[in-house]
PDB file of N, CA and C in Angstrom:
ATOM      1  N   MET A   1      12.927  33.962 143.796  1.00  0.00           N
ATOM      2  CA  MET A   1      12.431  33.600 144.954  1.00  0.00           C
ATOM      3  C   MET A   1      12.817  34.347 146.195  1.00  0.00           C
ATOM      4  N   LYS A   2      11.844  34.448 147.091  1.00  0.00           N
ATOM      5  CA  LYS A   2      12.008  35.020 148.080  1.00  0.00           C
ATOM      6  C   LYS A   2      11.954  34.118 149.130  1.00  0.00           C
ATOM      7  N   HIS A   3      13.133  34.492 150.226  1.00  0.00           N
ATOM      8  CA  HIS A   3      12.865  33.780 151.534  1.00  0.00           C
ATOM      9  C   HIS A   3      11.879  34.580 152.331  1.00  0.00           C
ATOM     10  N   ARG A   4      11.610  33.995 153.736  1.00  0.00           N
ATOM     11  CA  ARG A   4      10.432  34.701 154.531  1.00  0.00           C
ATOM     12  C   ARG A   4      11.150  35.642 154.937  1.00  0.00           C
ATOM     13  N   ARG A   5      12.427  36.010 155.163  1.00  0.00           N
ATOM     14  CA  ARG A   5      12.963  37.273 155.431  1.00  0.00           C
ATOM     15  C   ARG A   5      13.524  38.251 154.778  1.00  0.00           C
ATOM     16  N   SER A   6      12.511  38.027 153.300  1.00  0.00           N
ATOM     17  CA  SER A   6      12.763  39.060 152.135  1.00  0.00           C
ATOM     18  C   SER A   6      14.282  38.975 151.840  1.00  0.00           C
ATOM     19  N   VAL A   7      15.023  37.784 151.938  1.00  0.00           N
ATOM     20  CA  VAL A   7      16.311  37.912 151.346  1.00  0.00           C
ATOM     21  C   VAL A   7      16.089  37.015 149.887  1.00  0.00           C
ATOM     22  N   GLU A   8      16.604  37.646 148.795  1.00  0.00           N
ATOM     23  CA  GLU A   8      16.537  37.298 147.491  1.00  0.00           C
ATOM     24  C   GLU A   8      17.469  35.774 147.421  1.00  0.00           C
ATOM     25  N   LEU A   9      16.568  34.685 147.071  1.00  0.00           N
ATOM     26  CA  LEU A   9      17.458  33.279 147.186  1.00  0.00           C
ATOM     27  C   LEU A   9      17.681  33.105 145.422  1.00  0.00           C
ATOM     28  N   ALA A  10      17.955  33.797 144.916  1.00  0.00           N
ATOM     29  CA  ALA A  10      18.030  33.606 143.275  1.00  0.00           C
ATOM     30  C   ALA A  10      19.284  34.283 142.770  1.00  0.00           C
ATOM     31  N   PRO A  11      20.115  33.830 141.805  1.00  0.00           N
ATOM     32  CA  PRO A  11      21.165  34.719 141.270  1.00  0.00           C
ATOM     33  C   PRO A  11      20.582  35.806 140.481  1.00  0.00           C
ATOM     34  N   PRO A  12      21.483  37.013 140.578  1.00  0.00           N
ATOM     35  CA  PRO A  12      20.848  38.153 139.725  1.00  0.00           C
ATOM     36  C   PRO A  12      20.560  37.777 138.163  1.00  0.00           C
ATOM     37  N   HIS A  13      19.545  38.459 137.701  1.00  0.00           N
ATOM     38  CA  HIS A  13      19.301  38.273 136.355  1.00  0.00           C
ATOM     39  C   HIS A  13      20.174  37.914 135.245  1.00  0.00           C
ATOM     40  N   ASP A  14      21.416  38.973 135.640  1.00  0.00           N
ATOM     41  CA  ASP A  14      22.669  39.151 134.421  1.00  0.00           C
ATOM     42  C   ASP A  14      23.625  37.875 134.619  1.00  0.00           C
ATOM     43  N   TYR A  15      23.298  36.999 135.728  1.00  0.00           N
ATOM     44  CA  TYR A  15      24.152  35.928 135.702  1.00  0.00           C
ATOM     45  C   TYR A  15      23.494  34.591 135.783  1.00  0.00           C
ATOM     46  N   ALA A  16      24.189  33.726 134.743  1.00  0.00           N
ATOM     47  CA  ALA A  16      23.317  32.258 134.419  1.00  0.00           C
ATOM     48  C   ALA A  16      24.454  31.101 135.281  1.00  0.00           C
ATOM     49  N   VAL A  17      23.700  30.456 136.354  1.00  0.00           N
ATOM     50  CA  VAL A  17      24.648  29.581 136.832  1.00  0.00           C
ATOM     51  C   VAL A  17      23.849  28.032 136.497  1.00  0.00           C
ATOM     52  N   ASP A  18      24.836  27.648 135.852  1.00  0.00           N
ATOM     53  CA  ASP A  18      24.857  26.229 135.058  1.00  0.00           C
ATOM     54  C   ASP A  18      25.317  25.248 136.366  1.00  0.00           C
ATOM     55  N   MET A  19      24.083  24.532 136.549  1.00  0.00           N
ATOM     56  CA  MET A  19      24.484  23.531 137.850  1.00  0.00           C
ATOM     57  C   MET A  19      25.306  22.463 137.569  1.00  0.00           C
ATOM     58  N   LYS A  20      25.504  21.855 136.387  1.00  0.00           N
ATOM     59  CA  LYS A  20      26.262  20.849 136.028  1.00  0.00           C
ATOM     60  C   LYS A  20      27.665  21.075 135.968  1.00  0.00           C
ATOM     61  N   THR A  21      27.947  22.195 135.448  1.00  0.00           N
ATOM     62  CA  THR A  21      29.667  22.985 135.317  1.00  0.00           C
ATOM     63  C   THR A  21      30.097  23.633 136.276  1.00  0.00           C
ATOM     64  N   GLN A  22      29.266  24.596 136.856  1.00  0.00           N
ATOM     65  CA  GLN A  22      29.400  25.210 138.024  1.00  0.00           C
ATOM     66  C   GLN A  22      30.275  24.486 139.146  1.00  0.00           C
ATOM     67  N   THR A  23      31.233  24.717 139.697  1.00  0.00           N
ATOM     68  CA  THR A  23      31.648  24.090 140.894  1.00  0.00           C
ATOM     69  C   THR A  23      31.990  24.956 141.997  1.00  0.00           C
ATOM     70  N   LEU A  24      32.408  24.222 143.327  1.00  0.00           N
ATOM     71  CA  LEU A  24      32.360  25.247 144.440  1.00  0.00           C
ATOM     72  C   LEU A  24      33.654  26.464 144.202  1.00  0.00           C
ATOM     73  N   THR A  25      34.592  25.982 143.584  1.00  0.00           N
ATOM     74  CA  THR A  25      35.403  26.625 143.298  1.00  0.00           C
ATOM     75  C   THR A  25      35.297  27.964 142.345  1.00  0.00           C
ATOM     76  N   THR A  26      34.547  27.509 141.411  1.00  0.00           N
ATOM     77  CA  THR A  26      34.106  28.505 140.400  1.00  0.00           C
ATOM     78  C   THR A  26      33.215  29.489 140.594  1.00  0.00           C
ATOM     79  N   LEU A  27      32.284  29.107 141.552  1.00  0.00           N
ATOM     80  CA  LEU A  27      31.165  29.940 141.876  1.00  0.00           C
ATOM     81  C   LEU A  27      31.771  31.091 142.471  1.00  0.00           C
ATOM     82  N   PRO A  28      31.381  32.351 142.137  1.00  0.00           N
ATOM     83  CA  PRO A  28      31.865  33.836 143.060  1.00  0.00           C
ATOM     84  C   PRO A  28      31.584  33.690 144.274  1.00  0.00           C
ATOM     85  N   GLN A  29      32.700  34.477 145.025  1.00  0.00           N
ATOM     86  CA  GLN A  29      32.677  34.610 146.377  1.00  0.00           C
ATOM     87  C   GLN A  29      30.971  35.284 147.015  1.00  0.00           C
ATOM     88  N   TRP A  30      30.364  35.933 146.139  1.00  0.00           N
ATOM     89  CA  TRP A  30      29.267  36.791 146.697  1.00  0.00           C
ATOM     90  C   TRP A  30      28.188  35.874 146.450  1.00  0.00           C
ATOM     91  N   PHE A  31      27.894  34.601 146.079  1.00  0.00           N
ATOM     92  CA  PHE A  31      27.048  33.768 146.356  1.00  0.00           C
ATOM     93  C   PHE A  31      27.014  32.899 147.727  1.00  0.00           C
ATOM     94  N   VAL A  32      25.967  33.097 148.367  1.00  0.00           N
ATOM     95  CA  VAL A  32      25.858  31.967 149.569  1.00  0.00           C
ATOM     96  C   VAL A  32      24.798  30.924 148.992  1.00  0.00           C
ATOM     97  N   ILE A  33      25.266  29.656 149.504  1.00  0.00           N
ATOM     98  CA  ILE A  33      24.558  28.470 149.286  1.00  0.00           C
ATOM     99  C   ILE A  33      23.468  28.009 150.481  1.00  0.00           C
ATOM    100  N   HIS A  34      22.376  27.690 150.045  1.00  0.00           N
ATOM    101  CA  HIS A  34      21.357  27.291 150.871  1.00  0.00           C
ATOM    102  C   HIS A  34      20.832  26.101 150.149  1.00  0.00           C
ATOM    103  N   ALA A  35      20.497  25.104 151.617  1.00  0.00           N
ATOM    104  CA  ALA A  35      19.729  23.739 151.067  1.00  0.00           C
ATOM    105  C   ALA A  35      18.312  24.177 151.478  1.00  0.00           C
ATOM    106  N   ARG A  36      17.443  23.166 150.952  1.00  0.00           N
ATOM    107  CA  ARG A  36      15.925  23.249 151.265  1.00  0.00           C
ATOM    108  C   ARG A  36      15.485  21.833 150.949  1.00  0.00           C
ATOM    109  N   CYS A  37      14.798  21.402 152.176  1.00  0.00           N
ATOM    110  CA  CYS A  37      14.223  20.112 152.059  1.00  0.00           C
ATOM    111  C   CYS A  37      12.897  20.216 151.512  1.00  0.00           C
ATOM    112  N   ARG A  38      12.568  19.258 150.471  1.00  0.00           N
ATOM    113  CA  ARG A  38      11.151  19.223 149.697  1.00  0.00           C
ATOM    114  C   ARG A  38      10.143  18.864 150.751  1.00  0.00           C
ATOM    115  N   ALA A  39      10.278  17.901 151.665  1.00  0.00           N
ATOM    116  CA  ALA A  39       9.514  17.208 152.348  1.00  0.00           C
ATOM    117  C   ALA A  39       9.204  17.890 153.615  1.00  0.00           C
ATOM    118  N   CYS A  40       9.954  18.606 154.560  1.00  0.00           N
ATOM    119  CA  CYS A  40       9.435  19.506 155.574  1.00  0.00           C
ATOM    120  C   CYS A  40       9.795  20.863 155.365  1.00  0.00           C
ATOM    121  N   ARG A  41      10.432  21.431 154.271  1.00  0.00           N
ATOM    122  CA  ARG A  41      10.336  22.658 153.838  1.00  0.00           C
ATOM    123  C   ARG A  41      11.722  23.127 154.947  1.00  0.00           C
ATOM    124  N   HIS A  42      12.678  22.593 155.527  1.00  0.00           N
ATOM    125  CA  HIS A  42      13.542  23.075 156.378  1.00  0.00           C
ATOM    126  C   HIS A  42      14.525  23.639 155.470  1.00  0.00           C
ATOM    127  N   LEU A  43      15.006  25.049 156.032  1.00  0.00           N
ATOM    128  CA  LEU A  43      15.772  25.713 155.084  1.00  0.00           C
ATOM    129  C   LEU A  43      17.204  25.946 155.942  1.00  0.00           C
ATOM    130  N   THR A  44      18.195  25.716 155.163  1.00  0.00           N
ATOM    131  CA  THR A  44      19.710  26.031 156.031  1.00  0.00           C
ATOM    132  C   THR A  44      20.738  26.490 155.444  1.00  0.00           C
ATOM    133  N   ALA A  45      21.787  27.377 155.615  1.00  0.00           N
ATOM    134  CA  ALA A  45      22.589  27.619 155.060  1.00  0.00           C
ATOM    135  C   ALA A  45      23.919  26.777 155.079  1.00  0.00           C
ATOM    136  N   LEU A  46      24.523  26.448 153.878  1.00  0.00           N
ATOM    137  CA  LEU A  46      25.767  25.582 153.624  1.00  0.00           C
ATOM    138  C   LEU A  46      27.024  26.358 153.855  1.00  0.00           C
ATOM    139  N   GLU A  47      27.965  26.095 154.517  1.00  0.00           N
ATOM    140  CA  GLU A  47      29.363  26.669 154.473  1.00  0.00           C
ATOM    141  C   GLU A  47      30.226  25.881 153.190  1.00  0.00           C
ATOM    142  N   ARG A  48      30.547  26.956 152.266  1.00  0.00           N
ATOM    143  CA  ARG A  48      31.122  26.004 151.297  1.00  0.00           C
ATOM    144  C   ARG A  48      32.555  25.803 151.780  1.00  0.00           C
ATOM    145  N   ARG A  49      33.385  26.156 152.349  1.00  0.00           N
ATOM    146  CA  ARG A  49      34.577  25.577 153.006  1.00  0.00           C
ATOM    147  C   ARG A  49      34.596  24.373 153.718  1.00  0.00           C
ATOM    148  N   ASN A  50      33.603  24.158 154.192  1.00  0.00           N
ATOM    149  CA  ASN A  50      33.416  22.694 154.779  1.00  0.00           C
ATOM    150  C   ASN A  50      33.231  21.900 154.025  1.00  0.00           C
ATOM    151  N   ILE A  51      32.233  22.093 152.859  1.00  0.00           N
ATOM    152  CA  ILE A  51      31.877  21.079 151.832  1.00  0.00           C
ATOM    153  C   ILE A  51      32.969  20.988 150.942  1.00  0.00           C
ATOM    154  N   SER A  52      33.671  21.863 150.655  1.00  0.00           N
ATOM    155  CA  SER A  52      34.934  21.774 149.983  1.00  0.00           C
ATOM    156  C   SER A  52      35.978  20.964 150.606  1.00  0.00           C
ATOM    157  N   ARG A  53      36.271  21.213 151.607  1.00  0.00           N
ATOM    158  CA  ARG A  53      37.342  20.411 152.591  1.00  0.00           C
ATOM    159  C   ARG A  53      36.733  18.867 152.441  1.00  0.00           C
ATOM    160  N   ARG A  54      35.552  18.389 152.795  1.00  0.00           N
ATOM    161  CA  ARG A  54      34.967  17.318 152.967  1.00  0.00           C
ATOM    162  C   ARG A  54      34.814  16.501 151.554  1.00  0.00           C
ATOM    163  N   CYS A  55      34.334  17.185 150.276  1.00  0.00           N
ATOM    164  CA  CYS A  55      34.284  16.510 148.973  1.00  0.00           C
ATOM    165  C   CYS A  55      34.987  17.094 147.999  1.00  0.00           C
ATOM    166  N   GLY A  56      35.817  17.898 148.307  1.00  0.00           N
ATOM    167  CA  GLY A  56      36.769  18.440 147.025  1.00  0.00           C
ATOM    168  C   GLY A  56      36.313  19.822 146.546  1.00  0.00           C
ATOM    169  N   PRO A  57      37.121  20.447 146.153  1.00  0.00           N
ATOM    170  CA  PRO A  57      36.948  21.605 145.580  1.00  0.00           C
ATOM    171  C   PRO A  57      36.223  21.761 144.147  1.00  0.00           C
ATOM    172  N   ASP A  58      36.405  20.606 143.569  1.00  0.00           N
ATOM    173  CA  ASP A  58      35.906  20.236 142.132  1.00  0.00           C
ATOM    174  C   ASP A  58      34.600  19.908 141.931  1.00  0.00           C
ATOM    175  N   LEU A  59      33.812  19.713 143.423  1.00  0.00           N
ATOM    176  CA  LEU A  59      32.528  19.332 143.314  1.00  0.00           C
ATOM    177  C   LEU A  59      31.256  20.214 142.641  1.00  0.00           C
ATOM    178  N   SER A  60      30.542  19.536 141.541  1.00  0.00           N
ATOM    179  CA  SER A  60      29.868  20.816 140.877  1.00  0.00           C
ATOM    180  C   SER A  60      28.494  20.520 141.872  1.00  0.00           C
ATOM    181  N   LEU A  61      27.804  21.901 141.484  1.00  0.00           N
ATOM    182  CA  LEU A  61      26.660  22.274 142.326  1.00  0.00           C
ATOM    183  C   LEU A  61      25.472  21.178 142.048  1.00  0.00           C
ATOM    184  N   ALA A  62      25.262  20.591 140.926  1.00  0.00           N
ATOM    185  CA  ALA A  62      24.313  19.294 140.548  1.00  0.00           C
ATOM    186  C   ALA A  62      24.677  17.941 141.377  1.00  0.00           C
ATOM    187  N   GLU A  63      25.952  17.781 141.473  1.00  0.00           N
ATOM    188  CA  GLU A  63      26.427  16.626 142.604  1.00  0.00           C
ATOM    189  C   GLU A  63      26.258  17.176 144.022  1.00  0.00           C
ATOM    190  N   LEU A  64      26.619  17.994 144.403  1.00  0.00           N
ATOM    191  CA  LEU A  64      26.052  18.774 145.665  1.00  0.00           C
ATOM    192  C   LEU A  64      24.591  18.560 145.855  1.00  0.00           C
ATOM    193  N   ALA A  65      23.525  18.834 144.923  1.00  0.00           N
ATOM    194  CA  ALA A  65      22.376  18.855 145.195  1.00  0.00           C
ATOM    195  C   ALA A  65      21.818  17.680 145.525  1.00  0.00           C
ATOM    196  N   ARG A  66      22.431  16.472 144.810  1.00  0.00           N
ATOM    197  CA  ARG A  66      22.529  15.090 144.948  1.00  0.00           C
ATOM    198  C   ARG A  66      22.397  14.441 146.511  1.00  0.00           C
ATOM    199  N   ARG A  67      23.527  15.069 146.836  1.00  0.00           N
ATOM    200  CA  ARG A  67      24.057  14.699 147.966  1.00  0.00           C
ATOM    201  C   ARG A  67      23.527  14.867 149.364  1.00  0.00           C
ATOM    202  N   LEU A  68      22.371  16.185 149.251  1.00  0.00           N
ATOM    203  CA  LEU A  68      21.879  16.766 150.296  1.00  0.00           C
ATOM    204  C   LEU A  68      20.954  15.601 151.288  1.00  0.00           C
ATOM    205  N   THR A  69      21.020  15.861 152.577  1.00  0.00           N
ATOM    206  CA  THR A  69      20.493  14.941 153.346  1.00  0.00           C
ATOM    207  C   THR A  69      19.867  15.961 154.259  1.00  0.00           C
ATOM    208  N   CYS A  70      18.509  16.277 154.657  1.00  0.00           N
ATOM    209  CA  CYS A  70      18.060  16.878 155.660  1.00  0.00           C
ATOM    210  C   CYS A  70      18.270  16.677 157.012  1.00  0.00           C
ATOM    211  N   LYS A  71      18.653  17.590 157.845  1.00  0.00           N
ATOM    212  CA  LYS A  71      19.168  17.312 159.181  1.00  0.00           C
ATOM    213  C   LYS A  71      17.943  17.170 160.065  1.00  0.00           C
ATOM    214  N   ALA A  72      16.277  17.749 159.435  1.00  0.00           N
ATOM    215  CA  ALA A  72      15.552  17.896 160.527  1.00  0.00           C
ATOM    216  C   ALA A  72      14.655  16.411 160.242  1.00  0.00           C
ATOM    217  N   CYS A  73      14.296  16.123 158.834  1.00  0.00           N
ATOM    218  CA  CYS A  73      13.749  14.841 158.895  1.00  0.00           C
ATOM    219  C   CYS A  73      14.341  13.612 158.026  1.00  0.00           C
ATOM    220  N   GLY A  74      15.507  13.781 157.711  1.00  0.00           N
ATOM    221  CA  GLY A  74      16.373  12.549 157.018  1.00  0.00           C
ATOM    222  C   GLY A  74      16.170  12.312 155.665  1.00  0.00           C
ATOM    223  N   ASN A  75      15.269  13.100 154.820  1.00  0.00           N
ATOM    224  CA  ASN A  75      15.017  13.139 153.464  1.00  0.00           C
ATOM    225  C   ASN A  75      16.357  13.163 152.708  1.00  0.00           C
ATOM    226  N   ARG A  76      16.249  12.513 151.792  1.00  0.00           N
ATOM    227  CA  ARG A  76      17.354  12.401 150.844  1.00  0.00           C
ATOM    228  C   ARG A  76      17.252  12.467 149.136  1.00  0.00           C
ATOM    229  N   SER A  77      15.899  12.462 149.120  1.00  0.00           N
ATOM    230  CA  SER A  77      15.682  12.704 147.681  1.00  0.00           C
ATOM    231  C   SER A  77      14.812  14.016 147.255  1.00  0.00           C
ATOM    232  N   ASP A  78      15.543  14.307 146.165  1.00  0.00           N
ATOM    233  CA  ASP A  78      14.875  15.698 145.660  1.00  0.00           C
ATOM    234  C   ASP A  78      14.848  16.998 146.595  1.00  0.00           C
ATOM    235  N   ASN A  79      16.018  17.275 146.927  1.00  0.00           N
ATOM    236  CA  ASN A  79      16.387  18.430 147.972  1.00  0.00           C
ATOM    237  C   ASN A  79      16.701  19.683 147.158  1.00  0.00           C
ATOM    238  N   LEU A  80      16.724  20.820 147.300  1.00  0.00           N
ATOM    239  CA  LEU A  80      16.979  21.936 146.521  1.00  0.00           C
ATOM    240  C   LEU A  80      17.992  22.513 146.895  1.00  0.00           C
ATOM    241  N   LEU A  81      18.986  23.161 145.953  1.00  0.00           N
ATOM    242  CA  LEU A  81      20.080  24.018 146.184  1.00  0.00           C
ATOM    243  C   LEU A  81      19.885  25.299 145.767  1.00  0.00           C
ATOM    244  N   LEU A  82      19.768  26.340 146.748  1.00  0.00           N
ATOM    245  CA  LEU A  82      19.310  27.731 146.420  1.00  0.00           C
ATOM    246  C   LEU A  82      20.433  28.443 146.631  1.00  0.00           C
ATOM    247  N   LEU A  83      20.744  29.606 145.782  1.00  0.00           N
ATOM    248  CA  LEU A  83      21.856  30.408 145.610  1.00  0.00           C
ATOM    249  C   LEU A  83      21.389  31.976 145.992  1.00  0.00           C
ATOM    250  N   GLU A  84      21.984  32.531 147.087  1.00  0.00           N
ATOM    251  CA  GLU A  84      21.782  33.931 147.765  1.00  0.00           C
ATOM    252  C   GLU A  84      22.939  34.858 147.160  1.00  0.00           C
ATOM    253  N   THR A  85      22.632  35.997 146.784  1.00  0.00           N
ATOM    254  CA  THR A  85      23.787  36.940 146.394  1.00  0.00           C
ATOM    255  C   THR A  85      23.771  37.906 147.614  1.00  0.00           C
ATOM    256  N   LEU A  86      25.041  38.109 148.059  1.00  0.00           N
ATOM    257  CA  LEU A  86      25.409  38.936 149.176  1.00  0.00           C
ATOM    258  C   LEU A  86      25.289  40.364 148.460  1.00  0.00           C
ATOM    259  N   PRO A  87      24.986  41.489 148.828  1.00  0.00           N
ATOM    260  CA  PRO A  87      25.020  42.804 148.475  1.00  0.00           C
ATOM    261  C   PRO A  87      26.201  43.048 148.283  1.00  0.00           C
ATOM    262  N   ARG A  88      26.492  43.987 147.162  1.00  0.00           N
ATOM    263  CA  ARG A  88      27.620  44.429 146.602  1.00  0.00           C
ATOM    264  C   ARG A  88      27.882  45.839 146.590  1.00  0.00           C
ATOM    265  N   ASP A  89      28.954  46.599 146.921  1.00  0.00           N
ATOM    266  CA  ASP A  89      28.960  47.874 146.860  1.00  0.00           C
ATOM    267  C   ASP A  89      29.263  48.430 145.390  1.00  0.00           C
TER     268      ASP A  89
END
C-alpha cells in the first residue's frame, strides 16, 4: 500500500508480521507504526515509546489496533494499523 507521499506502508515481502503475537518490543526498530481512521481517512504516525510507556511493552499489535481512537473524528471502530519500513543501508 502506498501513502500519498509515495512512502511504502507495508512490511517488506520477506518479512511476515503476525499481528496477534508481535508486540511493541519484538517489532524491529526499522518499522514505523501509523494509524488510519476508516471513517475520515485521517493518517498519523504513532510513537512506539509513548505507547509502550502508557500501555506496557508487551502490548500486541492486534490489541493496539483495537484501542485506536481517531483524534480528528473520534471514531473507535475498525481503525487500521499500518507499518512502514525505514530505508536501511
